[in-house]
Amino acid sequence: MLLLKSAVFALIVPGTVAGLVPYWILRATGHAHWPETGVRAFFGLGIFLLGAVTASSSVWRFAVDGKGTPAPIDPPKFLVSCGTYRITRNPMYVGVVSMVLGEAAVFTSAWLLVYGLFLFCLFHAFVVLYEEPTLRRQFGPSYEDFCRSVPRWFWPGTRK
């Protein structure tokens, strides 16, 4: 049941953020057609697919290892620190932003690039102001250890 609830959440939330909204942006800016092929498009497709796999595997880990979902109404009961969570504390956000940036490359859309950067700033603020304090209260010392050993994003300076 957790996998089903997680899949529904993933289709609705990341599906909207990385699928529907980019489509609306592309349509509004005249880029909503399949682009020319080339190195940039294949690179962008690779980034998109890597982001999709990262986000999907994170949702899976929440259900299987955390015994919960990404939805705030049914959060994981256990701290998830395996899989992509060994590389970054926020692989779902990284995956979604990667998907949008991949789409920006595929469709050569500066608007999608701006949207992707906006999403990253929004996710960063949410993580720092709400999510991390909440997880510190919920998981205590084990979350503190996790924060010391895994960067918030990818670069080492984000281990706070």
Foldseek 3Di string as FASTA:
>chain_A
DQLVVQVVVCCPVLVCLLPVVVCVVCVVVVLNDQDDDDPLQVVLVVLLVVLVVQLVVVQVQQCPVQVFGPDPVTGGLDQRCDDCNQQAVDSNLVSSLSNLVSVCSRSVPPVSVVSSVVSVVVVVCCCVPPVLVVVCVNPPPVVLVSLQRYANGHDPVRSD
